[in-house]
Amino acid sequence: MLRFRYGFCILLLILSCAFARAQEFPTNDEISLMLTQADRAVQQYKPLIDQQERMLGKKAQQAAAKDREVVRGLEIAIKAFRQKPQGFNGPLGFSFFEWLDDADRNALLCANGATNDAASSLIDGNASRAKDLMQLVQSCSDAATLIYTVSENAGALYTRYVTSQAKLALEAVEVAQKCRDALKGMASKTNQ
C-alpha cells in the first residue's frame, strides 16, 4: 500500500508539473511568430552593415565585424529554434534576447556614426555625401526600431518562461511536501 501511495504522489507531481508547463510557458506558435519577426529584422539590418562599412570607411570596420558576428548568431539561433521552438525556453533563449539587444544597439550606433559623418560632410560642403549618409541614418534607425520591437517581444516571452519555471518549481516543492507528509502519516499508522 505504501508503494502505491508513493507512486501516486510521484504521478501527481509529474501531472501537476506537465499541466502547469502546458498552460504558462511560451507556446511553439508564439515563439515561431517571434522568430519570423526576428528573421525579418535581421534580413533588413544585414545589408546595412556592408553599407555602413562602405560609407564610413576604416572607422566602421571593427564595428561591422562585431555586427556580423551578432547577425550570424541570430541567424543560427533562428534556424535552430525553428526546428525546435521549445529550445527558446531555456538558457539559449536568454542568449537570443541578448543578441537582439546587441543588434539593436549596433544599428543605433550605425545611425549615430552616419549622422556624425553627414554633419561633417555638410560642413565640408559635400551635400551629396551628406544626403547619402542621412539615408543610411534613416535605414539604420528603422532597422533599430524593428529589432527593438522584436527584442521586446522576445524579452516578454523569456520573462514568461522564467516566471513559469519559478512557479513550476514552487508547485513541485508544495506537491512533494504534501506527498512527504502523507507518506509520513501512512508510515506512522502502519507502525502502530
Protein backbone atom coordinates (compact mmCIF):
# COMPACT_ATOMS: atom_id res chain seq x y z
CA MET A 1 0.00 0.00 0.00
CA LEU A 2 2.87 2.36 0.82
CA ARG A 3 4.40 1.78 -2.62
CA PHE A 4 1.05 2.58 -4.25
CA ARG A 5 0.80 5.88 -2.35
CA TYR A 6 4.42 6.73 -3.17
CA GLY A 7 3.81 6.01 -6.86
CA PHE A 8 0.60 8.04 -6.76
CA CYS A 9 2.47 11.01 -5.25
CA ILE A 10 5.09 10.86 -7.98
CA LEU A 11 2.39 10.65 -10.65
CA LEU A 12 0.60 13.62 -9.09
CA LEU A 13 3.84 15.60 -9.09
CA ILE A 14 4.52 14.82 -12.77
CA LEU A 15 0.97 15.61 -13.86
CA SER A 16 0.83 18.90 -11.98
CA CYS A 17 4.16 19.97 -13.48
CA ALA A 18 3.09 18.99 -17.00
CA PHE A 19 -0.24 20.81 -16.65
CA ALA A 20 1.39 23.98 -15.32
CA ARG A 21 4.01 23.88 -18.09
CA ALA A 22 1.44 23.46 -20.82
CA GLN A 23 -0.58 26.47 -19.68
CA GLU A 24 2.02 29.14 -18.93
CA PHE A 25 5.19 28.59 -20.94
CA PRO A 26 5.57 30.34 -24.32
CA THR A 27 3.99 28.17 -27.00
CA ASN A 28 5.54 26.98 -30.25
CA ASP A 29 3.24 29.36 -32.16
CA GLU A 30 4.28 32.37 -30.06
CA ILE A 31 7.95 31.51 -30.43
CA SER A 32 7.59 30.89 -34.18
CA LEU A 33 5.91 34.27 -34.67
CA MET A 34 8.71 36.00 -32.78
CA LEU A 35 11.28 34.11 -34.91
CA THR A 36 9.59 35.27 -38.11
CA GLN A 37 9.76 38.85 -36.84
CA ALA A 38 13.40 38.40 -35.83
CA ASP A 39 14.34 36.97 -39.22
CA ARG A 40 12.68 39.89 -40.98
CA ALA A 41 14.57 42.36 -38.77
CA VAL A 42 17.90 40.59 -39.32
CA GLN A 43 17.39 40.50 -43.09
CA GLN A 44 16.61 44.23 -43.05
CA TYR A 45 19.69 45.02 -40.97
CA LYS A 46 22.22 42.69 -42.61
CA PRO A 47 22.84 44.72 -45.83
CA LEU A 48 23.14 47.90 -43.78
CA ILE A 49 26.27 46.54 -42.14
CA ASP A 50 28.01 46.39 -45.53
CA GLN A 51 26.66 49.81 -46.45
CA GLN A 52 27.87 51.25 -43.16
CA GLU A 53 31.34 49.83 -43.69
CA ARG A 54 31.47 51.08 -47.28
CA MET A 55 30.30 54.59 -46.43
CA LEU A 56 32.09 55.16 -43.14
CA GLY A 57 35.37 53.51 -44.10
CA LYS A 58 38.06 52.29 -41.73
CA LYS A 59 36.42 53.56 -38.55
CA ALA A 60 33.44 51.28 -39.20
CA GLN A 61 35.38 48.09 -39.99
CA GLN A 62 35.73 46.85 -36.42
CA ALA A 63 32.10 47.66 -35.61
CA ALA A 64 30.95 45.92 -38.80
CA ALA A 65 32.87 42.77 -37.87
CA LYS A 66 31.13 42.68 -34.48
CA ASP A 67 27.77 43.39 -36.11
CA ARG A 68 28.27 40.45 -38.47
CA GLU A 69 29.03 38.16 -35.50
CA VAL A 70 25.79 39.18 -33.81
CA VAL A 71 23.80 38.69 -37.03
CA ARG A 72 25.42 35.29 -37.58
CA GLY A 73 24.49 34.25 -34.03
CA LEU A 74 20.91 35.39 -34.55
CA GLU A 75 20.61 33.54 -37.85
CA ILE A 76 21.95 30.32 -36.32
CA ALA A 77 19.57 30.66 -33.36
CA ILE A 78 16.57 31.39 -35.59
CA LYS A 79 17.30 28.29 -37.66
CA ALA A 80 17.75 26.12 -34.56
CA PHE A 81 14.65 27.44 -32.79
CA ARG A 82 12.55 26.93 -35.91
CA GLN A 83 13.44 23.25 -35.78
CA LYS A 84 12.85 23.07 -32.03
CA PRO A 85 10.88 26.10 -30.79
CA GLN A 86 10.89 24.97 -27.15
CA GLY A 87 14.67 25.38 -27.17
CA PHE A 88 13.88 29.07 -26.66
CA ASN A 89 12.53 28.14 -23.23
CA GLY A 90 15.96 27.70 -21.70
CA PRO A 91 19.37 29.35 -21.44
CA LEU A 92 19.67 29.81 -25.21
CA GLY A 93 16.52 31.93 -25.18
CA PHE A 94 18.31 34.43 -22.98
CA SER A 95 21.31 34.46 -25.33
CA PHE A 96 18.94 35.10 -28.22
CA PHE A 97 17.41 38.03 -26.34
CA GLU A 98 20.89 39.43 -25.66
CA TRP A 99 21.86 39.14 -29.35
CA LEU A 100 18.73 41.06 -30.32
CA ASP A 101 19.65 43.73 -27.79
CA ASP A 102 23.19 43.88 -29.23
CA ALA A 103 21.85 44.15 -32.79
CA ASP A 104 19.52 46.97 -31.73
CA ARG A 105 22.37 48.88 -30.10
CA ASN A 106 24.64 48.29 -33.11
CA ALA A 107 22.00 49.58 -35.53
CA LEU A 108 21.65 52.72 -33.39
CA LEU A 109 25.43 53.14 -33.39
CA CYS A 110 25.34 52.86 -37.18
CA ALA A 111 22.78 55.67 -37.30
CA ASN A 112 24.83 57.77 -34.88
CA GLY A 113 28.07 57.31 -36.81
CA ALA A 114 26.38 58.16 -40.09
CA THR A 115 24.81 61.26 -38.50
CA ASN A 116 28.20 62.49 -37.38
CA ASP A 117 29.71 61.89 -40.81
CA ALA A 118 26.74 63.59 -42.51
CA ALA A 119 27.28 66.68 -40.35
CA SER A 120 30.99 66.68 -41.22
CA SER A 121 30.15 66.31 -44.91
CA LEU A 122 27.79 69.28 -44.75
CA ILE A 123 30.45 71.38 -43.04
CA ASP A 124 32.90 70.36 -45.78
CA GLY A 125 30.33 71.37 -48.41
CA ASN A 126 29.65 67.84 -49.68
CA ALA A 127 25.83 67.88 -49.72
CA SER A 128 25.58 64.78 -51.91
CA ARG A 129 27.54 62.64 -49.45
CA ALA A 130 25.56 64.13 -46.55
CA LYS A 131 22.31 63.13 -48.29
CA ASP A 132 23.55 59.55 -48.82
CA LEU A 133 24.63 59.34 -45.20
CA MET A 134 21.25 60.62 -44.00
CA GLN A 135 19.60 57.81 -45.95
CA LEU A 136 21.86 55.38 -44.06
CA VAL A 137 20.85 57.09 -40.81
CA GLN A 138 17.18 56.55 -41.63
CA SER A 139 17.71 52.91 -42.69
CA CYS A 140 19.73 52.08 -39.57
CA SER A 141 17.16 53.84 -37.36
CA ASP A 142 14.33 51.87 -38.99
CA ALA A 143 16.23 48.61 -38.51
CA ALA A 144 16.95 49.50 -34.87
CA THR A 145 13.25 50.18 -34.26
CA LEU A 146 12.25 46.86 -35.77
CA ILE A 147 14.93 44.94 -33.88
CA TYR A 148 13.92 46.71 -30.65
CA THR A 149 10.30 45.67 -31.17
CA VAL A 150 11.33 42.04 -31.70
CA SER A 151 13.63 42.27 -28.67
CA GLU A 152 10.72 43.46 -26.52
CA ASN A 153 8.63 40.51 -27.73
CA ALA A 154 11.47 38.05 -27.07
CA GLY A 155 12.04 39.61 -23.64
CA ALA A 156 8.36 39.26 -22.75
CA LEU A 157 8.34 35.61 -23.85
CA TYR A 158 11.53 34.85 -21.95
CA THR A 159 10.22 36.58 -18.83
CA ARG A 160 7.12 34.41 -19.06
CA TYR A 161 9.33 31.34 -19.34
CA VAL A 162 11.38 32.29 -16.26
CA THR A 163 8.27 33.18 -14.25
CA SER A 164 6.60 29.91 -15.24
CA GLN A 165 9.76 27.96 -14.40
CA ALA A 166 9.85 29.51 -10.93
CA LYS A 167 6.14 28.88 -10.37
CA LEU A 168 6.53 25.30 -11.55
CA ALA A 169 9.41 24.73 -9.15
CA LEU A 170 7.37 26.11 -6.23
CA GLU A 171 4.39 23.95 -7.15
CA ALA A 172 6.62 20.88 -7.37
CA VAL A 173 8.01 21.59 -3.90
CA GLU A 174 4.49 22.01 -2.50
CA VAL A 175 3.32 18.73 -4.05
CA ALA A 176 6.45 16.93 -2.83
CA GLN A 177 5.90 18.26 0.70
CA LYS A 178 2.28 17.12 0.66
CA CYS A 179 3.35 13.69 -0.56
CA ARG A 180 6.05 13.50 2.11
CA ASP A 181 3.54 14.45 4.80
CA ALA A 182 1.03 11.88 3.52
CA LEU A 183 3.69 9.16 3.42
CA LYS A 184 4.87 10.04 6.93
CA GLY A 185 1.28 9.83 8.12
CA MET A 186 0.80 6.43 6.49
CA ALA A 187 4.12 5.14 7.83
CA SER A 188 3.22 6.16 11.37
CA LYS A 189 -0.18 4.42 11.05
CA THR A 190 1.41 1.19 9.80
CA ASN A 191 3.99 1.27 12.61
CA GLN A 192 1.27 1.47 15.28
